[in-house]
């Protein structure tokens, strides 16, 4: 498993509302990023932290490429 990837078992163990809302939808991929956000943070803070995490992945990562395109 890749460093940022989360197993389906770990994802399903989390108490998220999505499990109740979409019980019949299979999990394809779940990813974890080292973000430290609080209630006072805005979208720009999220974007900056997300792009820093993507940069840490390295340019060879397919996920990093996908996130840069988006």
Protein backbone atom coordinates (compact mmCIF):
# COMPACT_ATOMS: atom_id res chain seq x y z
CA UNK A 1 0.00 0.00 0.00
CA UNK A 2 1.27 3.47 -0.87
CA UNK A 3 2.12 5.92 1.97
CA UNK A 4 -0.94 8.14 1.48
CA UNK A 5 -3.36 5.32 0.72
CA UNK A 6 -5.81 4.11 3.38
CA UNK A 7 -7.05 0.52 3.45
CA UNK A 8 -10.76 -0.17 2.98
CA UNK A 9 -10.87 -1.73 6.46
CA UNK A 10 -9.41 1.43 8.04
CA UNK A 11 -11.80 3.64 6.07
CA UNK A 12 -14.84 1.57 7.07
CA UNK A 13 -13.82 1.69 10.74
CA UNK A 14 -14.10 5.50 10.82
CA UNK A 15 -17.41 6.96 12.05
CA UNK A 16 -18.23 8.90 8.89
CA UNK A 17 -21.73 9.77 7.69
CA UNK A 18 -20.87 8.60 4.18
CA UNK A 19 -21.18 4.98 5.34
CA UNK A 20 -24.89 5.57 6.09
CA UNK A 21 -25.56 7.70 3.03
CA UNK A 22 -23.90 5.45 0.44
CA UNK A 23 -23.90 1.89 1.82
CA UNK A 24 -24.04 0.21 -1.62
CA UNK A 25 -21.21 2.18 -3.23
CA UNK A 26 -17.92 0.24 -3.28
CA UNK A 27 -14.76 1.93 -2.04
CA UNK A 28 -12.25 2.36 -4.86
CA UNK A 29 -9.49 4.44 -3.28
CA UNK A 30 -9.16 6.43 -0.07
CA UNK A 31 -6.23 8.75 0.54
CA UNK A 32 -4.87 10.48 3.65
CA UNK A 33 -2.99 13.77 3.57
CA UNK A 34 -1.06 15.38 6.45
CA UNK A 35 -3.22 18.50 6.79
CA UNK A 36 -3.52 20.52 9.98
CA UNK A 37 -6.63 22.66 9.69
CA UNK A 38 -8.82 24.30 12.28
CA UNK A 39 -12.19 26.06 12.23
CA UNK A 40 -10.50 29.41 11.55
CA UNK A 41 -8.76 28.16 8.38
CA UNK A 42 -10.09 29.01 4.94
CA UNK A 43 -10.03 27.39 1.51
CA UNK A 44 -6.70 29.02 0.63
CA UNK A 45 -5.06 27.47 3.71
CA UNK A 46 -6.48 24.08 2.73
CA UNK A 47 -5.22 24.49 -0.86
CA UNK A 48 -1.73 25.51 0.28
CA UNK A 49 -1.42 22.55 2.65
CA UNK A 50 -2.83 20.15 0.06
CA UNK A 51 -0.40 21.30 -2.63
CA UNK A 52 2.52 21.03 -0.17
CA UNK A 53 1.48 17.42 0.52
CA UNK A 54 1.26 16.76 -3.23
CA UNK A 55 4.73 18.25 -3.73
CA UNK A 56 6.07 15.88 -1.05
CA UNK A 57 4.78 12.92 -3.07
CA UNK A 58 7.22 13.59 -5.86
CA UNK A 59 6.57 14.20 -9.52
CA UNK A 60 6.54 10.49 -10.44
CA UNK A 61 3.40 9.78 -8.42
CA UNK A 62 0.27 9.27 -10.53
CA UNK A 63 -1.85 10.63 -7.69
CA UNK A 64 0.30 13.76 -7.47
CA UNK A 65 -0.11 14.29 -11.21
CA UNK A 66 -3.88 13.87 -10.98
CA UNK A 67 -4.15 16.34 -8.10
CA UNK A 68 -1.99 18.91 -9.89
CA UNK A 69 -4.22 18.69 -12.97
CA UNK A 70 -7.35 19.29 -10.91
